[in-house]
Amino acid sequence: MLDEVVFFDTMREGLWISVIISFPILAVALVAGLVVGLFQALTSIQELTLTFVPKLGAIAVVFWLTMGFMTQTLVTFFQDRLVPLITGG
């Protein structure tokens, strides 16, 4: 019973961390998509690359800016939560 509780608690915490570290990228992709979609609707330009390139650029910039936060969050989770479970400590 205790092993199941530890497993599910660790899984829940890992999923929550994945939500936290993916939120900035997903939020920027959503905002960039809305802005480009609004621009396309206002100008009647229906070019497929117009939606892809700005979104990709925004995602790359945000990923570069938040890479340290993402890495530190994952390393902290691994060191504080997973390593003690693996080593039994």
PDB file of N, CA and C in Angstrom:
ATOM      1  N   MET A   1       0.815  -1.198   0.000  1.00  0.00           N
ATOM      2  CA  MET A   1       0.000   0.000   0.000  1.00  0.00           C
ATOM      3  C   MET A   1       0.854   1.255   0.000  1.00  0.00           C
ATOM      4  N   LEU A   2       1.911   1.260   0.800  1.00  0.00           N
ATOM      5  CA  LEU A   2       2.775   2.428   0.890  1.00  0.00           C
ATOM      6  C   LEU A   2       3.511   2.665  -0.424  1.00  0.00           C
ATOM      7  N   ASP A   3       3.925   1.578  -1.091  1.00  0.00           N
ATOM      8  CA  ASP A   3       4.616   1.722  -2.371  1.00  0.00           C
ATOM      9  C   ASP A   3       3.711   2.356  -3.422  1.00  0.00           C
ATOM     10  N   GLU A   4       2.436   2.005  -3.410  1.00  0.00           N
ATOM     11  CA  GLU A   4       1.499   2.597  -4.360  1.00  0.00           C
ATOM     12  C   GLU A   4       1.308   4.083  -4.098  1.00  0.00           C
ATOM     13  N   VAL A   5       1.240   4.467  -2.837  1.00  0.00           N
ATOM     14  CA  VAL A   5       1.068   5.868  -2.485  1.00  0.00           C
ATOM     15  C   VAL A   5       2.279   6.672  -2.942  1.00  0.00           C
ATOM     16  N   VAL A   6       3.465   6.150  -2.702  1.00  0.00           N
ATOM     17  CA  VAL A   6       4.688   6.836  -3.125  1.00  0.00           C
ATOM     18  C   VAL A   6       4.742   6.927  -4.643  1.00  0.00           C
ATOM     19  N   PHE A   7       4.389   5.854  -5.325  1.00  0.00           N
ATOM     20  CA  PHE A   7       4.392   5.852  -6.784  1.00  0.00           C
ATOM     21  C   PHE A   7       3.438   6.897  -7.343  1.00  0.00           C
ATOM     22  N   PHE A   8       2.207   6.903  -6.873  1.00  0.00           N
ATOM     23  CA  PHE A   8       1.217   7.838  -7.406  1.00  0.00           C
ATOM     24  C   PHE A   8       1.533   9.279  -7.029  1.00  0.00           C
ATOM     25  N   ASP A   9       2.082   9.489  -5.845  1.00  0.00           N
ATOM     26  CA  ASP A   9       2.468  10.842  -5.451  1.00  0.00           C
ATOM     27  C   ASP A   9       3.615  11.350  -6.317  1.00  0.00           C
ATOM     28  N   THR A  10       4.578  10.487  -6.588  1.00  0.00           N
ATOM     29  CA  THR A  10       5.689  10.866  -7.465  1.00  0.00           C
ATOM     30  C   THR A  10       5.206  11.108  -8.884  1.00  0.00           C
ATOM     31  N   MET A  11       4.307  10.292  -9.355  1.00  0.00           N
ATOM     32  CA  MET A  11       3.752  10.474 -10.702  1.00  0.00           C
ATOM     33  C   MET A  11       2.969  11.783 -10.785  1.00  0.00           C
ATOM     34  N   ARG A  12       2.181  12.077  -9.773  1.00  0.00           N
ATOM     35  CA  ARG A  12       1.409  13.327  -9.746  1.00  0.00           C
ATOM     36  C   ARG A  12       2.333  14.533  -9.749  1.00  0.00           C
ATOM     37  N   GLU A  13       3.390  14.472  -8.951  1.00  0.00           N
ATOM     38  CA  GLU A  13       4.336  15.579  -8.889  1.00  0.00           C
ATOM     39  C   GLU A  13       5.084  15.742 -10.217  1.00  0.00           C
ATOM     40  N   GLY A  14       5.440  14.639 -10.854  1.00  0.00           N
ATOM     41  CA  GLY A  14       6.106  14.704 -12.151  1.00  0.00           C
ATOM     42  C   GLY A  14       5.215  15.291 -13.227  1.00  0.00           C
ATOM     43  N   LEU A  15       3.947  14.919 -13.219  1.00  0.00           N
ATOM     44  CA  LEU A  15       3.009  15.491 -14.194  1.00  0.00           C
ATOM     45  C   LEU A  15       2.794  16.977 -13.944  1.00  0.00           C
ATOM     46  N   TRP A  16       2.717  17.374 -12.694  1.00  0.00           N
ATOM     47  CA  TRP A  16       2.543  18.785 -12.387  1.00  0.00           C
ATOM     48  C   TRP A  16       3.770  19.589 -12.829  1.00  0.00           C
ATOM     49  N   ILE A  17       4.966  19.042 -12.642  1.00  0.00           N
ATOM     50  CA  ILE A  17       6.180  19.720 -13.090  1.00  0.00           C
ATOM     51  C   ILE A  17       6.193  19.834 -14.609  1.00  0.00           C
ATOM     52  N   SER A  18       5.725  18.817 -15.306  1.00  0.00           N
ATOM     53  CA  SER A  18       5.666  18.909 -16.767  1.00  0.00           C
ATOM     54  C   SER A  18       4.699  19.996 -17.220  1.00  0.00           C
ATOM     55  N   VAL A  19       3.616  20.183 -16.497  1.00  0.00           N
ATOM     56  CA  VAL A  19       2.673  21.271 -16.812  1.00  0.00           C
ATOM     57  C   VAL A  19       3.344  22.619 -16.567  1.00  0.00           C
ATOM     58  N   ILE A  20       4.036  22.747 -15.462  1.00  0.00           N
ATOM     59  CA  ILE A  20       4.679  24.015 -15.115  1.00  0.00           C
ATOM     60  C   ILE A  20       5.748  24.392 -16.134  1.00  0.00           C
ATOM     61  N   ILE A  21       6.583  23.439 -16.532  1.00  0.00           N
ATOM     62  CA  ILE A  21       7.673  23.808 -17.439  1.00  0.00           C
ATOM     63  C   ILE A  21       7.214  23.951 -18.886  1.00  0.00           C
ATOM     64  N   SER A  22       6.078  23.380 -19.241  1.00  0.00           N
ATOM     65  CA  SER A  22       5.595  23.540 -20.616  1.00  0.00           C
ATOM     66  C   SER A  22       4.673  24.740 -20.780  1.00  0.00           C
ATOM     67  N   PHE A  23       4.196  25.321 -19.681  1.00  0.00           N
ATOM     68  CA  PHE A  23       3.244  26.416 -19.775  1.00  0.00           C
ATOM     69  C   PHE A  23       3.766  27.633 -20.541  1.00  0.00           C
ATOM     70  N   PRO A  24       4.997  28.116 -20.297  1.00  0.00           N
ATOM     71  CA  PRO A  24       5.440  29.306 -21.049  1.00  0.00           C
ATOM     72  C   PRO A  24       5.438  29.088 -22.563  1.00  0.00           C
ATOM     73  N   ILE A  25       5.882  27.944 -23.014  1.00  0.00           N
ATOM     74  CA  ILE A  25       5.936  27.675 -24.452  1.00  0.00           C
ATOM     75  C   ILE A  25       4.531  27.566 -25.024  1.00  0.00           C
ATOM     76  N   LEU A  26       3.658  26.859 -24.336  1.00  0.00           N
ATOM     77  CA  LEU A  26       2.284  26.713 -24.822  1.00  0.00           C
ATOM     78  C   LEU A  26       1.536  28.042 -24.818  1.00  0.00           C
ATOM     79  N   ALA A  27       1.766  28.862 -23.808  1.00  0.00           N
ATOM     80  CA  ALA A  27       1.103  30.163 -23.742  1.00  0.00           C
ATOM     81  C   ALA A  27       1.554  31.069 -24.876  1.00  0.00           C
ATOM     82  N   VAL A  28       2.852  31.073 -25.163  1.00  0.00           N
ATOM     83  CA  VAL A  28       3.355  31.907 -26.263  1.00  0.00           C
ATOM     84  C   VAL A  28       2.860  31.390 -27.600  1.00  0.00           C
ATOM     85  N   ALA A  29       2.792  30.085 -27.769  1.00  0.00           N
ATOM     86  CA  ALA A  29       2.267  29.536 -29.024  1.00  0.00           C
ATOM     87  C   ALA A  29       0.805  29.928 -29.205  1.00  0.00           C
ATOM     88  N   LEU A  30       0.036  29.909 -28.126  1.00  0.00           N
ATOM     89  CA  LEU A  30      -1.365  30.307 -28.197  1.00  0.00           C
ATOM     90  C   LEU A  30      -1.505  31.780 -28.558  1.00  0.00           C
ATOM     91  N   VAL A  31      -0.759  32.638 -27.881  1.00  0.00           N
ATOM     92  CA  VAL A  31      -0.838  34.074 -28.151  1.00  0.00           C
ATOM     93  C   VAL A  31      -0.366  34.384 -29.564  1.00  0.00           C
ATOM     94  N   ALA A  32       0.745  33.788 -29.991  1.00  0.00           N
ATOM     95  CA  ALA A  32       1.238  34.027 -31.348  1.00  0.00           C
ATOM     96  C   ALA A  32       0.232  33.540 -32.382  1.00  0.00           C
ATOM     97  N   GLY A  33      -0.386  32.411 -32.146  1.00  0.00           N
ATOM     98  CA  GLY A  33      -1.396  31.897 -33.066  1.00  0.00           C
ATOM     99  C   GLY A  33      -2.609  32.808 -33.154  1.00  0.00           C
ATOM    100  N   LEU A  34      -3.042  33.335 -32.007  1.00  0.00           N
ATOM    101  CA  LEU A  34      -4.179  34.255 -32.014  1.00  0.00           C
ATOM    102  C   LEU A  34      -3.855  35.558 -32.733  1.00  0.00           C
ATOM    103  N   VAL A  35      -2.663  36.093 -32.487  1.00  0.00           N
ATOM    104  CA  VAL A  35      -2.265  37.345 -33.138  1.00  0.00           C
ATOM    105  C   VAL A  35      -2.152  37.155 -34.643  1.00  0.00           C
ATOM    106  N   VAL A  36      -1.503  36.097 -35.080  1.00  0.00           N
ATOM    107  CA  VAL A  36      -1.356  35.844 -36.519  1.00  0.00           C
ATOM    108  C   VAL A  36      -2.712  35.542 -37.142  1.00  0.00           C
ATOM    109  N   GLY A  37      -3.558  34.798 -36.455  1.00  0.00           N
ATOM    110  CA  GLY A  37      -4.895  34.513 -36.970  1.00  0.00           C
ATOM    111  C   GLY A  37      -5.732  35.770 -37.107  1.00  0.00           C
ATOM    112  N   LEU A  38      -5.630  36.652 -36.121  1.00  0.00           N
ATOM    113  CA  LEU A  38      -6.342  37.929 -36.203  1.00  0.00           C
ATOM    114  C   LEU A  38      -5.812  38.772 -37.360  1.00  0.00           C
ATOM    115  N   PHE A  39      -4.493  38.801 -37.523  1.00  0.00           N
ATOM    116  CA  PHE A  39      -3.889  39.538 -38.641  1.00  0.00           C
ATOM    117  C   PHE A  39      -4.351  38.974 -39.980  1.00  0.00           C
ATOM    118  N   GLN A  40      -4.394  37.647 -40.083  1.00  0.00           N
ATOM    119  CA  GLN A  40      -4.850  37.023 -41.329  1.00  0.00           C
ATOM    120  C   GLN A  40      -6.321  37.326 -41.597  1.00  0.00           C
ATOM    121  N   ALA A  41      -7.133  37.337 -40.562  1.00  0.00           N
ATOM    122  CA  ALA A  41      -8.553  37.629 -40.753  1.00  0.00           C
ATOM    123  C   ALA A  41      -8.772  39.083 -41.167  1.00  0.00           C
ATOM    124  N   LEU A  42      -7.967  39.975 -40.602  1.00  0.00           N
ATOM    125  CA  LEU A  42      -8.125  41.389 -40.933  1.00  0.00           C
ATOM    126  C   LEU A  42      -7.622  41.729 -42.332  1.00  0.00           C
ATOM    127  N   THR A  43      -6.596  41.038 -42.785  1.00  0.00           N
ATOM    128  CA  THR A  43      -5.996  41.371 -44.084  1.00  0.00           C
ATOM    129  C   THR A  43      -6.393  40.399 -45.181  1.00  0.00           C
ATOM    130  N   SER A  44      -7.112  39.364 -44.865  1.00  0.00           N
ATOM    131  CA  SER A  44      -7.528  38.331 -45.830  1.00  0.00           C
ATOM    132  C   SER A  44      -6.347  37.640 -46.504  1.00  0.00           C
ATOM    133  N   ILE A  45      -5.228  37.573 -45.815  1.00  0.00           N
ATOM    134  CA  ILE A  45      -4.056  36.830 -46.309  1.00  0.00           C
ATOM    135  C   ILE A  45      -4.153  35.418 -45.754  1.00  0.00           C
ATOM    136  N   GLN A  46      -4.199  34.432 -46.636  1.00  0.00           N
ATOM    137  CA  GLN A  46      -4.323  33.044 -46.208  1.00  0.00           C
ATOM    138  C   GLN A  46      -3.083  32.247 -46.612  1.00  0.00           C
ATOM    139  N   GLU A  47      -1.955  32.614 -46.063  1.00  0.00           N
ATOM    140  CA  GLU A  47      -0.694  31.936 -46.346  1.00  0.00           C
ATOM    141  C   GLU A  47      -0.367  31.010 -45.172  1.00  0.00           C
ATOM    142  N   LEU A  48      -0.096  29.739 -45.464  1.00  0.00           N
ATOM    143  CA  LEU A  48       0.162  28.771 -44.397  1.00  0.00           C
ATOM    144  C   LEU A  48       1.457  29.051 -43.661  1.00  0.00           C
ATOM    145  N   THR A  49       2.481  29.511 -44.360  1.00  0.00           N
ATOM    146  CA  THR A  49       3.754  29.780 -43.689  1.00  0.00           C
ATOM    147  C   THR A  49       3.658  30.995 -42.775  1.00  0.00           C
ATOM    148  N   LEU A  50       2.680  31.847 -43.001  1.00  0.00           N
ATOM    149  CA  LEU A  50       2.515  33.021 -42.145  1.00  0.00           C
ATOM    150  C   LEU A  50       2.126  32.616 -40.726  1.00  0.00           C
ATOM    151  N   THR A  51       1.442  31.513 -40.557  1.00  0.00           N
ATOM    152  CA  THR A  51       1.102  31.054 -39.207  1.00  0.00           C
ATOM    153  C   THR A  51       2.237  30.250 -38.587  1.00  0.00           C
ATOM    154  N   PHE A  52       2.984  29.546 -39.410  1.00  0.00           N
ATOM    155  CA  PHE A  52       3.999  28.634 -38.890  1.00  0.00           C
ATOM    156  C   PHE A  52       5.264  29.359 -38.440  1.00  0.00           C
ATOM    157  N   VAL A  53       5.781  30.242 -39.264  1.00  0.00           N
ATOM    158  CA  VAL A  53       7.080  30.865 -38.990  1.00  0.00           C
ATOM    159  C   VAL A  53       7.059  31.760 -37.746  1.00  0.00           C
ATOM    160  N   PRO A  54       6.105  32.674 -37.586  1.00  0.00           N
ATOM    161  CA  PRO A  54       6.121  33.486 -36.353  1.00  0.00           C
ATOM    162  C   PRO A  54       5.922  32.656 -35.085  1.00  0.00           C
ATOM    163  N   LYS A  55       5.080  31.646 -35.167  1.00  0.00           N
ATOM    164  CA  LYS A  55       4.853  30.792 -34.004  1.00  0.00           C
ATOM    165  C   LYS A  55       6.125  30.024 -33.647  1.00  0.00           C
ATOM    166  N   LEU A  56       6.793  29.498 -34.647  1.00  0.00           N
ATOM    167  CA  LEU A  56       8.040  28.777 -34.413  1.00  0.00           C
ATOM    168  C   LEU A  56       9.105  29.700 -33.835  1.00  0.00           C
ATOM    169  N   GLY A  57       9.196  30.914 -34.359  1.00  0.00           N
ATOM    170  CA  GLY A  57      10.161  31.881 -33.835  1.00  0.00           C
ATOM    171  C   GLY A  57       9.873  32.256 -32.392  1.00  0.00           C
ATOM    172  N   ALA A  58       8.603  32.494 -32.076  1.00  0.00           N
ATOM    173  CA  ALA A  58       8.228  32.848 -30.701  1.00  0.00           C
ATOM    174  C   ALA A  58       8.512  31.697 -29.745  1.00  0.00           C
ATOM    175  N   ILE A  59       8.216  30.487 -30.178  1.00  0.00           N
ATOM    176  CA  ILE A  59       8.478  29.315 -29.336  1.00  0.00           C
ATOM    177  C   ILE A  59       9.977  29.153 -29.101  1.00  0.00           C
ATOM    178  N   ALA A  60      10.780  29.352 -30.138  1.00  0.00           N
ATOM    179  CA  ALA A  60      12.238  29.213 -29.993  1.00  0.00           C
ATOM    180  C   ALA A  60      12.793  30.254 -29.026  1.00  0.00           C
ATOM    181  N   VAL A  61      12.310  31.494 -29.115  1.00  0.00           N
ATOM    182  CA  VAL A  61      12.786  32.549 -28.219  1.00  0.00           C
ATOM    183  C   VAL A  61      12.402  32.241 -26.773  1.00  0.00           C
ATOM    184  N   VAL A  62      11.159  31.858 -26.555  1.00  0.00           N
ATOM    185  CA  VAL A  62      10.712  31.562 -25.189  1.00  0.00           C
ATOM    186  C   VAL A  62      11.421  30.331 -24.638  1.00  0.00           C
ATOM    187  N   PHE A  63      11.650  29.348 -25.481  1.00  0.00           N
ATOM    188  CA  PHE A  63      12.386  28.168 -25.020  1.00  0.00           C
ATOM    189  C   PHE A  63      13.795  28.558 -24.600  1.00  0.00           C
ATOM    190  N   TRP A  64      14.434  29.411 -25.384  1.00  0.00           N
ATOM    191  CA  TRP A  64      15.793  29.845 -25.064  1.00  0.00           C
ATOM    192  C   TRP A  64      15.811  30.643 -23.757  1.00  0.00           C
ATOM    193  N   LEU A  65      14.791  31.485 -23.553  1.00  0.00           N
ATOM    194  CA  LEU A  65      14.742  32.302 -22.340  1.00  0.00           C
ATOM    195  C   LEU A  65      14.415  31.489 -21.087  1.00  0.00           C
ATOM    196  N   THR A  66      13.624  30.446 -21.226  1.00  0.00           N
ATOM    197  CA  THR A  66      13.206  29.676 -20.048  1.00  0.00           C
ATOM    198  C   THR A  66      13.952  28.351 -19.895  1.00  0.00           C
ATOM    199  N   MET A  67      14.965  28.144 -20.704  1.00  0.00           N
ATOM    200  CA  MET A  67      15.696  26.878 -20.644  1.00  0.00           C
ATOM    201  C   MET A  67      16.341  26.653 -19.275  1.00  0.00           C
ATOM    202  N   GLY A  68      16.884  27.695 -18.676  1.00  0.00           N
ATOM    203  CA  GLY A  68      17.502  27.561 -17.353  1.00  0.00           C
ATOM    204  C   GLY A  68      16.489  27.174 -16.291  1.00  0.00           C
ATOM    205  N   PHE A  69      15.315  27.813 -16.328  1.00  0.00           N
ATOM    206  CA  PHE A  69      14.247  27.495 -15.382  1.00  0.00           C
ATOM    207  C   PHE A  69      13.788  26.048 -15.552  1.00  0.00           C
ATOM    208  N   MET A  70      13.604  25.624 -16.799  1.00  0.00           N
ATOM    209  CA  MET A  70      13.154  24.258 -17.057  1.00  0.00           C
ATOM    210  C   MET A  70      14.181  23.237 -16.564  1.00  0.00           C
ATOM    211  N   THR A  71      15.435  23.492 -16.878  1.00  0.00           N
ATOM    212  CA  THR A  71      16.495  22.570 -16.481  1.00  0.00           C
ATOM    213  C   THR A  71      16.610  22.490 -14.968  1.00  0.00           C
ATOM    214  N   GLN A  72      16.592  23.646 -14.311  1.00  0.00           N
ATOM    215  CA  GLN A  72      16.714  23.655 -12.853  1.00  0.00           C
ATOM    216  C   GLN A  72      15.533  22.963 -12.184  1.00  0.00           C
ATOM    217  N   THR A  73      14.344  23.146 -12.717  1.00  0.00           N
ATOM    218  CA  THR A  73      13.162  22.491 -12.158  1.00  0.00           C
ATOM    219  C   THR A  73      13.265  20.973 -12.277  1.00  0.00           C
ATOM    220  N   LEU A  74      13.682  20.492 -13.449  1.00  0.00           N
ATOM    221  CA  LEU A  74      13.812  19.048 -13.634  1.00  0.00           C
ATOM    222  C   LEU A  74      14.938  18.460 -12.794  1.00  0.00           C
ATOM    223  N   VAL A  75      16.057  19.166 -12.697  1.00  0.00           N
ATOM    224  CA  VAL A  75      17.180  18.668 -11.896  1.00  0.00           C
ATOM    225  C   VAL A  75      16.795  18.614 -10.419  1.00  0.00           C
ATOM    226  N   THR A  76      16.092  19.641  -9.948  1.00  0.00           N
ATOM    227  CA  THR A  76      15.653  19.651  -8.550  1.00  0.00           C
ATOM    228  C   THR A  76      14.693  18.494  -8.269  1.00  0.00           C
ATOM    229  N   PHE A  77      13.749  18.266  -9.179  1.00  0.00           N
ATOM    230  CA  PHE A  77      12.819  17.139  -9.002  1.00  0.00           C
ATOM    231  C   PHE A  77      13.570  15.815  -8.990  1.00  0.00           C
ATOM    232  N   PHE A  78      14.505  15.675  -9.891  1.00  0.00           N
ATOM    233  CA  PHE A  78      15.264  14.428  -9.974  1.00  0.00           C
ATOM    234  C   PHE A  78      16.082  14.205  -8.708  1.00  0.00           C
ATOM    235  N   GLN A  79      16.803  15.246  -8.256  1.00  0.00           N
ATOM    236  CA  GLN A  79      17.672  15.094  -7.090  1.00  0.00           C
ATOM    237  C   GLN A  79      16.890  14.956  -5.785  1.00  0.00           C
ATOM    238  N   ASP A  80      15.822  15.721  -5.646  1.00  0.00           N
ATOM    239  CA  ASP A  80      15.087  15.716  -4.380  1.00  0.00           C
ATOM    240  C   ASP A  80      14.075  14.586  -4.270  1.00  0.00           C
ATOM    241  N   ARG A  81      13.555  14.130  -5.392  1.00  0.00           N
ATOM    242  CA  ARG A  81      12.463  13.164  -5.343  1.00  0.00           C
ATOM    243  C   ARG A  81      12.850  11.790  -5.885  1.00  0.00           C
ATOM    244  N   LEU A  82      13.455  11.748  -7.073  1.00  0.00           N
ATOM    245  CA  LEU A  82      13.697  10.457  -7.708  1.00  0.00           C
ATOM    246  C   LEU A  82      14.950   9.741  -7.205  1.00  0.00           C
ATOM    247  N   VAL A  83      16.030  10.480  -7.007  1.00  0.00           N
ATOM    248  CA  VAL A  83      17.273   9.829  -6.540  1.00  0.00           C
ATOM    249  C   VAL A  83      17.063   9.146  -5.189  1.00  0.00           C
ATOM    250  N   PRO A  84      16.426   9.801  -4.193  1.00  0.00           N
ATOM    251  CA  PRO A  84      16.186   9.078  -2.941  1.00  0.00           C
ATOM    252  C   PRO A  84      15.320   7.834  -3.107  1.00  0.00           C
ATOM    253  N   LEU A  85      14.369   7.863  -4.050  1.00  0.00           N
ATOM    254  CA  LEU A  85      13.544   6.667  -4.269  1.00  0.00           C
ATOM    255  C   LEU A  85      14.352   5.556  -4.926  1.00  0.00           C
ATOM    256  N   ILE A  86      15.247   5.929  -5.823  1.00  0.00           N
ATOM    257  CA  ILE A  86      16.057   4.925  -6.517  1.00  0.00           C
ATOM    258  C   ILE A  86      17.080   4.303  -5.565  1.00  0.00           C
ATOM    259  N   THR A  87      17.721   5.155  -4.761  1.00  0.00           N
ATOM    260  CA  THR A  87      18.751   4.643  -3.856  1.00  0.00           C
ATOM    261  C   THR A  87      18.181   4.065  -2.566  1.00  0.00           C
ATOM    262  N   GLY A  88      16.898   4.304  -2.314  1.00  0.00           N
ATOM    263  CA  GLY A  88      16.279   3.767  -1.119  1.00  0.00           C
ATOM    264  C   GLY A  88      16.534   4.593   0.112  1.00  0.00           C
ATOM    265  N   GLY A  89      16.975   5.838  -0.095  1.00  0.00           N
ATOM    266  CA  GLY A  89      17.296   6.685   1.066  1.00  0.00           C
ATOM    267  C   GLY A  89      16.298   7.668   1.439  1.00  0.00           C
TER     268      GLY A  89
END
